[in-house]
Amino acid sequence: MRLVLTVLPCFLLAACFTTPDRCPVNPSDPTHETFAPELGVNLATMERTELGDYRKDLVAGTGAALTTLATVQIHYSAYLTNGTLIDQVIDQPFPLDLNVRATVGLADGMLGMQVGGQRLIVVPSQLGLGACENGPVPGNSTIVYKVELLAIN
């Protein structure tokens, strides 16, 4: 169920064939949302990137730094703000091309990570899955990622 990380190209292609008002656009704003306590999100302690996602290292890595978008190997969990787990790959390395298969917010949130590091990334809907519902993810949803960077290819 690698749905969350692989749907962006489908959304972009679908956007070319649908009317702009198909899904009501009401972008999420993490600063006005309540996060489940178990997610450990405190935006006041997180760095806001220029694009608008939030990130915080949970464990500092000691390996090579991700300085440009590349293909990486990760473990990750993705949650809605209420704590609902929507996707997870933690039992094996998950290969992810940050140039092609990741949402803009996830890719941006991972920049600067070092191999071996773990990061909490909060992605507003406009940098994530967008306005339309996608399986278990309601439209205009903020997504919280917990990512471990295993390798940079």
N, C-alpha and C. Protein backbone atom coordinates (compact mmCIF):
# COMPACT_ATOMS: atom_id res chain seq x y z
N MET A 1 0.84 -1.20 0.00
CA MET A 1 0.00 0.00 0.00
C MET A 1 0.87 1.25 0.00
N ARG A 2 1.63 1.40 -1.00
CA ARG A 2 2.52 2.56 -1.10
C ARG A 2 1.80 3.73 -1.76
N LEU A 3 0.53 3.80 -1.51
CA LEU A 3 -0.39 4.75 -2.12
C LEU A 3 0.04 6.19 -1.94
N VAL A 4 0.39 6.58 -0.74
CA VAL A 4 0.67 7.98 -0.45
C VAL A 4 1.86 8.49 -1.24
N LEU A 5 2.86 7.65 -1.46
CA LEU A 5 4.07 8.10 -2.13
C LEU A 5 4.01 7.97 -3.64
N THR A 6 3.02 7.26 -4.17
CA THR A 6 3.03 7.00 -5.60
C THR A 6 1.87 7.63 -6.37
N VAL A 7 1.00 8.35 -5.73
CA VAL A 7 -0.17 8.85 -6.41
C VAL A 7 0.01 10.21 -7.08
N LEU A 8 1.05 10.94 -6.75
CA LEU A 8 1.21 12.28 -7.30
C LEU A 8 1.21 12.29 -8.82
N PRO A 9 1.98 11.43 -9.50
CA PRO A 9 1.92 11.46 -10.97
C PRO A 9 0.51 11.20 -11.51
N CYS A 10 -0.23 10.33 -10.85
CA CYS A 10 -1.61 10.06 -11.28
C CYS A 10 -2.48 11.30 -11.12
N PHE A 11 -2.30 12.02 -10.01
CA PHE A 11 -3.07 13.24 -9.78
C PHE A 11 -2.75 14.29 -10.83
N LEU A 12 -1.47 14.42 -11.15
CA LEU A 12 -1.08 15.42 -12.13
C LEU A 12 -1.66 15.09 -13.51
N LEU A 13 -1.62 13.83 -13.88
CA LEU A 13 -2.19 13.41 -15.15
C LEU A 13 -3.70 13.59 -15.15
N ALA A 14 -4.35 13.20 -14.07
CA ALA A 14 -5.80 13.34 -13.98
C ALA A 14 -6.22 14.80 -14.03
N ALA A 15 -5.41 15.68 -13.48
CA ALA A 15 -5.73 17.10 -13.49
C ALA A 15 -5.83 17.64 -14.90
N CYS A 16 -5.11 17.04 -15.81
CA CYS A 16 -5.15 17.48 -17.21
C CYS A 16 -6.47 17.14 -17.88
N PHE A 17 -7.20 16.17 -17.35
CA PHE A 17 -8.41 15.70 -17.99
C PHE A 17 -9.68 16.00 -17.20
N THR A 18 -9.57 16.74 -16.13
CA THR A 18 -10.74 17.04 -15.32
C THR A 18 -10.96 18.54 -15.25
N THR A 19 -12.17 18.91 -14.88
CA THR A 19 -12.45 20.33 -14.71
C THR A 19 -11.82 20.81 -13.42
N PRO A 20 -11.41 22.07 -13.37
CA PRO A 20 -10.72 22.58 -12.19
C PRO A 20 -11.55 22.55 -10.91
N ASP A 21 -12.87 22.55 -11.02
CA ASP A 21 -13.71 22.58 -9.83
C ASP A 21 -14.18 21.20 -9.38
N ARG A 22 -13.53 20.15 -9.85
CA ARG A 22 -13.93 18.79 -9.52
C ARG A 22 -13.90 18.55 -8.02
N CYS A 23 -12.87 19.03 -7.35
CA CYS A 23 -12.74 18.89 -5.90
C CYS A 23 -12.62 20.28 -5.30
N PRO A 24 -13.38 20.57 -4.27
CA PRO A 24 -13.28 21.91 -3.67
C PRO A 24 -11.91 22.11 -3.03
N VAL A 25 -11.23 23.15 -3.45
CA VAL A 25 -9.90 23.44 -2.92
C VAL A 25 -10.04 24.29 -1.67
N ASN A 26 -9.63 23.71 -0.57
CA ASN A 26 -9.61 24.39 0.72
C ASN A 26 -8.33 23.94 1.41
N PRO A 27 -7.18 24.51 1.00
CA PRO A 27 -5.89 24.00 1.49
C PRO A 27 -5.82 23.95 3.01
N SER A 28 -5.18 22.91 3.49
CA SER A 28 -5.02 22.77 4.94
C SER A 28 -3.97 23.76 5.43
N ASP A 29 -4.08 24.13 6.68
CA ASP A 29 -3.12 25.02 7.33
C ASP A 29 -2.72 24.38 8.65
N PRO A 30 -1.55 23.75 8.69
CA PRO A 30 -1.14 23.06 9.91
C PRO A 30 -1.15 23.93 11.16
N THR A 31 -0.97 25.24 11.01
CA THR A 31 -0.96 26.11 12.18
C THR A 31 -2.33 26.25 12.83
N HIS A 32 -3.38 25.83 12.13
CA HIS A 32 -4.73 25.90 12.67
C HIS A 32 -5.33 24.52 12.91
N GLU A 33 -4.49 23.51 12.98
CA GLU A 33 -4.97 22.15 13.18
C GLU A 33 -4.51 21.61 14.52
N THR A 34 -5.26 20.63 15.01
CA THR A 34 -4.89 19.92 16.23
C THR A 34 -4.33 18.57 15.82
N PHE A 35 -3.18 18.22 16.38
CA PHE A 35 -2.52 16.96 16.06
C PHE A 35 -2.67 15.99 17.22
N ALA A 36 -2.89 14.73 16.89
CA ALA A 36 -2.97 13.70 17.92
C ALA A 36 -1.67 13.71 18.72
N PRO A 37 -1.75 13.64 20.05
CA PRO A 37 -0.54 13.70 20.88
C PRO A 37 0.50 12.65 20.53
N GLU A 38 0.06 11.46 20.12
CA GLU A 38 1.02 10.39 19.82
C GLU A 38 1.89 10.69 18.60
N LEU A 39 1.51 11.68 17.79
CA LEU A 39 2.33 12.04 16.63
C LEU A 39 3.55 12.88 17.03
N GLY A 40 3.48 13.51 18.17
CA GLY A 40 4.63 14.31 18.64
C GLY A 40 4.85 15.59 17.85
N VAL A 41 3.80 16.13 17.25
CA VAL A 41 3.93 17.34 16.44
C VAL A 41 3.76 18.57 17.34
N ASN A 42 4.78 19.43 17.32
CA ASN A 42 4.73 20.73 17.97
C ASN A 42 5.35 21.70 16.97
N LEU A 43 4.52 22.39 16.20
CA LEU A 43 5.03 23.24 15.13
C LEU A 43 5.98 24.32 15.64
N ALA A 44 5.81 24.74 16.89
CA ALA A 44 6.69 25.78 17.45
C ALA A 44 8.14 25.31 17.55
N THR A 45 8.35 24.00 17.59
CA THR A 45 9.71 23.47 17.70
C THR A 45 10.23 22.96 16.36
N MET A 46 9.46 23.15 15.31
CA MET A 46 9.83 22.63 13.99
C MET A 46 10.27 23.76 13.07
N GLU A 47 11.11 23.42 12.10
CA GLU A 47 11.55 24.38 11.10
C GLU A 47 10.52 24.41 9.98
N ARG A 48 10.11 25.61 9.58
CA ARG A 48 9.20 25.77 8.43
C ARG A 48 10.08 26.05 7.22
N THR A 49 9.91 25.26 6.17
CA THR A 49 10.69 25.45 4.96
C THR A 49 10.11 26.61 4.14
N GLU A 50 10.85 27.06 3.16
CA GLU A 50 10.36 28.14 2.29
C GLU A 50 9.08 27.76 1.57
N LEU A 51 8.95 26.48 1.23
CA LEU A 51 7.73 26.03 0.54
C LEU A 51 6.53 25.95 1.47
N GLY A 52 6.76 25.73 2.77
CA GLY A 52 5.66 25.73 3.72
C GLY A 52 5.39 24.44 4.45
N ASP A 53 6.27 23.43 4.28
CA ASP A 53 6.10 22.25 5.13
C ASP A 53 6.95 22.43 6.38
N TYR A 54 6.77 21.56 7.35
CA TYR A 54 7.48 21.66 8.63
C TYR A 54 8.29 20.39 8.83
N ARG A 55 9.49 20.54 9.43
CA ARG A 55 10.34 19.38 9.64
C ARG A 55 11.14 19.52 10.94
N LYS A 56 11.43 18.34 11.50
CA LYS A 56 12.22 18.30 12.73
C LYS A 56 12.93 16.96 12.78
N ASP A 57 14.23 17.00 13.03
CA ASP A 57 14.99 15.77 13.18
C ASP A 57 14.65 15.13 14.52
N LEU A 58 14.29 13.86 14.48
CA LEU A 58 14.06 13.09 15.69
C LEU A 58 15.34 12.39 16.11
N VAL A 59 16.10 11.95 15.11
CA VAL A 59 17.42 11.35 15.30
C VAL A 59 18.32 11.94 14.23
N ALA A 60 19.43 12.52 14.64
CA ALA A 60 20.37 13.07 13.67
C ALA A 60 21.16 11.93 13.04
N GLY A 61 21.24 11.93 11.72
CA GLY A 61 22.02 10.92 11.03
C GLY A 61 23.50 11.26 11.08
N THR A 62 24.31 10.29 10.73
CA THR A 62 25.76 10.49 10.72
C THR A 62 26.36 10.23 9.34
N GLY A 63 25.52 9.84 8.39
CA GLY A 63 26.01 9.52 7.05
C GLY A 63 25.92 10.70 6.10
N ALA A 64 25.95 10.39 4.82
CA ALA A 64 25.88 11.41 3.77
C ALA A 64 24.59 12.21 3.89
N ALA A 65 24.67 13.48 3.50
CA ALA A 65 23.50 14.37 3.56
C ALA A 65 22.78 14.39 2.21
N LEU A 66 21.47 14.45 2.28
CA LEU A 66 20.63 14.57 1.09
C LEU A 66 20.57 16.05 0.72
N THR A 67 21.40 16.47 -0.23
CA THR A 67 21.49 17.88 -0.59
C THR A 67 20.70 18.22 -1.85
N THR A 68 20.39 17.22 -2.66
CA THR A 68 19.56 17.42 -3.85
C THR A 68 18.58 16.25 -3.94
N LEU A 69 17.52 16.45 -4.68
CA LEU A 69 16.55 15.37 -4.85
C LEU A 69 17.20 14.21 -5.58
N ALA A 70 17.04 13.02 -5.04
CA ALA A 70 17.69 11.82 -5.57
C ALA A 70 16.81 10.62 -5.28
N THR A 71 17.27 9.45 -5.70
CA THR A 71 16.61 8.21 -5.31
C THR A 71 17.18 7.80 -3.97
N VAL A 72 16.29 7.49 -3.05
CA VAL A 72 16.69 7.15 -1.69
C VAL A 72 16.04 5.84 -1.27
N GLN A 73 16.52 5.27 -0.20
CA GLN A 73 15.92 4.11 0.45
C GLN A 73 15.44 4.61 1.82
N ILE A 74 14.17 4.37 2.13
CA ILE A 74 13.62 4.87 3.39
C ILE A 74 12.74 3.82 4.07
N HIS A 75 12.48 4.06 5.34
CA HIS A 75 11.35 3.50 6.06
C HIS A 75 10.46 4.70 6.35
N TYR A 76 9.15 4.51 6.32
CA TYR A 76 8.28 5.64 6.61
C TYR A 76 6.94 5.18 7.14
N SER A 77 6.29 6.11 7.84
CA SER A 77 4.90 5.97 8.26
C SER A 77 4.23 7.29 7.93
N ALA A 78 2.98 7.23 7.45
CA ALA A 78 2.22 8.43 7.11
C ALA A 78 0.91 8.41 7.88
N TYR A 79 0.57 9.57 8.45
CA TYR A 79 -0.60 9.68 9.32
C TYR A 79 -1.44 10.89 8.95
N LEU A 80 -2.74 10.80 9.23
CA LEU A 80 -3.59 11.98 9.25
C LEU A 80 -3.35 12.69 10.57
N THR A 81 -3.77 13.93 10.68
CA THR A 81 -3.53 14.70 11.91
C THR A 81 -4.20 14.09 13.14
N ASN A 82 -5.24 13.29 12.95
CA ASN A 82 -5.92 12.66 14.09
C ASN A 82 -5.21 11.39 14.57
N GLY A 83 -4.06 11.06 13.93
CA GLY A 83 -3.29 9.90 14.32
C GLY A 83 -3.57 8.64 13.52
N THR A 84 -4.51 8.69 12.58
CA THR A 84 -4.83 7.52 11.76
C THR A 84 -3.66 7.20 10.82
N LEU A 85 -3.17 5.97 10.92
CA LEU A 85 -2.10 5.51 10.04
C LEU A 85 -2.70 5.27 8.66
N ILE A 86 -2.14 5.92 7.62
CA ILE A 86 -2.67 5.75 6.27
C ILE A 86 -1.72 4.98 5.35
N ASP A 87 -0.46 4.88 5.72
CA ASP A 87 0.50 4.13 4.91
C ASP A 87 1.76 3.92 5.73
N GLN A 88 2.44 2.80 5.45
CA GLN A 88 3.65 2.50 6.22
C GLN A 88 4.49 1.45 5.51
N VAL A 89 5.79 1.67 5.50
CA VAL A 89 6.74 0.66 5.05
C VAL A 89 7.91 0.73 6.03
N ILE A 90 7.96 -0.26 6.94
CA ILE A 90 9.03 -0.27 7.94
C ILE A 90 9.74 -1.61 8.03
N ASP A 91 9.26 -2.60 7.27
CA ASP A 91 9.85 -3.93 7.36
C ASP A 91 10.93 -4.18 6.32
N GLN A 92 11.02 -3.31 5.32
CA GLN A 92 12.06 -3.44 4.30
C GLN A 92 12.34 -2.05 3.74
N PRO A 93 13.51 -1.84 3.17
CA PRO A 93 13.79 -0.53 2.57
C PRO A 93 12.84 -0.25 1.41
N PHE A 94 12.35 0.97 1.36
CA PHE A 94 11.46 1.39 0.29
C PHE A 94 12.22 2.34 -0.62
N PRO A 95 12.42 1.96 -1.91
CA PRO A 95 13.11 2.87 -2.83
C PRO A 95 12.16 3.97 -3.28
N LEU A 96 12.63 5.21 -3.23
CA LEU A 96 11.79 6.34 -3.59
C LEU A 96 12.60 7.35 -4.38
N ASP A 97 12.17 7.63 -5.61
CA ASP A 97 12.79 8.67 -6.43
C ASP A 97 12.10 9.98 -6.06
N LEU A 98 12.80 10.84 -5.35
CA LEU A 98 12.21 12.09 -4.87
C LEU A 98 11.89 13.05 -6.01
N ASN A 99 12.46 12.84 -7.18
CA ASN A 99 12.16 13.68 -8.34
C ASN A 99 10.86 13.29 -9.02
N VAL A 100 10.42 12.04 -8.83
CA VAL A 100 9.29 11.52 -9.61
C VAL A 100 8.12 11.07 -8.74
N ARG A 101 8.38 10.30 -7.70
CA ARG A 101 7.31 9.61 -6.99
C ARG A 101 6.89 10.24 -5.67
N ALA A 102 7.61 11.21 -5.18
CA ALA A 102 7.27 11.81 -3.88
C ALA A 102 6.44 13.07 -4.08
N THR A 103 5.63 13.40 -3.09
CA THR A 103 4.94 14.69 -3.12
C THR A 103 5.98 15.78 -2.92
N VAL A 104 5.66 16.97 -3.35
CA VAL A 104 6.58 18.10 -3.22
C VAL A 104 6.96 18.32 -1.76
N GLY A 105 5.98 18.26 -0.87
CA GLY A 105 6.23 18.50 0.55
C GLY A 105 7.12 17.46 1.19
N LEU A 106 6.92 16.20 0.84
CA LEU A 106 7.77 15.15 1.41
C LEU A 106 9.20 15.32 0.92
N ALA A 107 9.37 15.53 -0.38
CA ALA A 107 10.72 15.71 -0.94
C ALA A 107 11.41 16.91 -0.30
N ASP A 108 10.71 18.02 -0.20
CA ASP A 108 11.28 19.23 0.41
C ASP A 108 11.62 18.99 1.88
N GLY A 109 10.74 18.30 2.57
CA GLY A 109 10.95 18.03 3.99
C GLY A 109 12.13 17.12 4.27
N MET A 110 12.51 16.30 3.29
CA MET A 110 13.64 15.39 3.47
C MET A 110 14.99 16.03 3.18
N LEU A 111 14.99 17.11 2.42
CA LEU A 111 16.27 17.75 2.09
C LEU A 111 17.03 18.11 3.36
N GLY A 112 18.32 17.84 3.35
CA GLY A 112 19.16 18.11 4.51
C GLY A 112 19.31 16.94 5.45
N MET A 113 18.47 15.91 5.31
CA MET A 113 18.60 14.73 6.16
C MET A 113 19.93 14.04 5.89
N GLN A 114 20.45 13.38 6.92
CA GLN A 114 21.63 12.56 6.76
C GLN A 114 21.23 11.10 6.90
N VAL A 115 21.94 10.24 6.16
CA VAL A 115 21.69 8.80 6.25
C VAL A 115 21.79 8.37 7.72
N GLY A 116 20.82 7.58 8.12
CA GLY A 116 20.73 7.15 9.51
C GLY A 116 19.83 8.02 10.35
N GLY A 117 19.40 9.15 9.79
CA GLY A 117 18.54 10.08 10.52
C GLY A 117 17.08 9.72 10.41
N GLN A 118 16.32 10.24 11.37
CA GLN A 118 14.87 10.09 11.37
C GLN A 118 14.27 11.48 11.50
N ARG A 119 13.23 11.74 10.74
CA ARG A 119 12.66 13.09 10.70
C ARG A 119 11.14 13.02 10.73
N LEU A 120 10.56 14.00 11.40
CA LEU A 120 9.12 14.23 11.42
C LEU A 120 8.85 15.35 10.43
N ILE A 121 7.93 15.12 9.49
CA ILE A 121 7.63 16.09 8.43
C ILE A 121 6.12 16.29 8.38
N VAL A 122 5.68 17.54 8.45
CA VAL A 122 4.26 17.89 8.36
C VAL A 122 4.04 18.57 7.02
N VAL A 123 3.18 17.97 6.20
CA VAL A 123 2.97 18.44 4.83
C VAL A 123 1.53 18.93 4.66
N PRO A 124 1.34 20.23 4.42
CA PRO A 124 -0.01 20.73 4.15
C PRO A 124 -0.53 20.19 2.81
N SER A 125 -1.83 20.19 2.64
CA SER A 125 -2.45 19.55 1.48
C SER A 125 -1.94 20.09 0.15
N GLN A 126 -1.67 21.37 0.05
CA GLN A 126 -1.25 21.93 -1.23
C GLN A 126 0.14 21.47 -1.64
N LEU A 127 0.93 20.92 -0.71
CA LEU A 127 2.24 20.36 -1.00
C LEU A 127 2.21 18.83 -0.94
N GLY A 128 1.03 18.29 -0.66
CA GLY A 128 0.90 16.85 -0.50
C GLY A 128 -0.04 16.25 -1.53
N LEU A 129 -1.14 15.71 -1.05
CA LEU A 129 -2.06 14.98 -1.93
C LEU A 129 -3.16 15.84 -2.53
N GLY A 130 -3.22 17.12 -2.17
CA GLY A 130 -4.14 18.04 -2.83
C GLY A 130 -5.56 18.03 -2.31
N ALA A 131 -6.45 18.51 -3.17
CA ALA A 131 -7.83 18.75 -2.77
C ALA A 131 -8.74 17.54 -2.87
N CYS A 132 -8.40 16.58 -3.71
CA CYS A 132 -9.29 15.44 -3.93
C CYS A 132 -9.05 14.30 -2.93
N GLU A 133 -10.13 13.64 -2.56
CA GLU A 133 -10.04 12.45 -1.70
C GLU A 133 -9.23 11.38 -2.42
N ASN A 134 -8.44 10.64 -1.66
CA ASN A 134 -7.63 9.57 -2.24
C ASN A 134 -7.64 8.38 -1.29
N GLY A 135 -8.50 7.43 -1.55
CA GLY A 135 -8.60 6.26 -0.67
C GLY A 135 -8.92 6.69 0.75
N PRO A 136 -8.05 6.32 1.71
CA PRO A 136 -8.32 6.67 3.11
C PRO A 136 -8.00 8.12 3.45
N VAL A 137 -7.51 8.89 2.48
CA VAL A 137 -7.09 10.27 2.75
C VAL A 137 -8.16 11.24 2.23
N PRO A 138 -8.82 11.95 3.15
CA PRO A 138 -9.80 12.95 2.71
C PRO A 138 -9.09 14.08 1.94
N GLY A 139 -9.83 14.73 1.07
CA GLY A 139 -9.27 15.88 0.36
C GLY A 139 -8.84 16.96 1.32
N ASN A 140 -7.86 17.74 0.90
CA ASN A 140 -7.35 18.88 1.67
C ASN A 140 -6.79 18.46 3.03
N SER A 141 -6.14 17.30 3.08
CA SER A 141 -5.60 16.78 4.35
C SER A 141 -4.12 17.09 4.53
N THR A 142 -3.78 17.49 5.72
CA THR A 142 -2.39 17.58 6.13
C THR A 142 -1.93 16.16 6.43
N ILE A 143 -0.71 15.82 5.99
CA ILE A 143 -0.15 14.50 6.24
C ILE A 143 1.10 14.66 7.12
N VAL A 144 1.23 13.78 8.10
CA VAL A 144 2.40 13.75 8.98
C VAL A 144 3.20 12.51 8.64
N TYR A 145 4.46 12.71 8.29
CA TYR A 145 5.37 11.61 7.95
C TYR A 145 6.42 11.45 9.03
N LYS A 146 6.73 10.20 9.33
CA LYS A 146 7.91 9.85 10.11
C LYS A 146 8.79 9.06 9.17
N VAL A 147 9.95 9.62 8.84
CA VAL A 147 10.82 9.06 7.80
C VAL A 147 12.19 8.75 8.38
N GLU A 148 12.72 7.57 8.02
CA GLU A 148 14.10 7.21 8.34
C GLU A 148 14.83 7.08 7.01
N LEU A 149 15.93 7.82 6.85
CA LEU A 149 16.73 7.77 5.62
C LEU A 149 17.78 6.67 5.77
N LEU A 150 17.64 5.62 4.97
CA LEU A 150 18.53 4.47 5.05
C LEU A 150 19.72 4.58 4.10
N ALA A 151 19.49 5.15 2.91
CA ALA A 151 20.57 5.25 1.92
C ALA A 151 20.19 6.28 0.87
N ILE A 152 21.21 6.87 0.26
CA ILE A 152 21.04 7.74 -0.89
C ILE A 152 21.71 7.03 -2.05
N ASN A 153 20.97 6.77 -3.11
CA ASN A 153 21.53 6.03 -4.25
C ASN A 153 22.21 6.97 -5.22
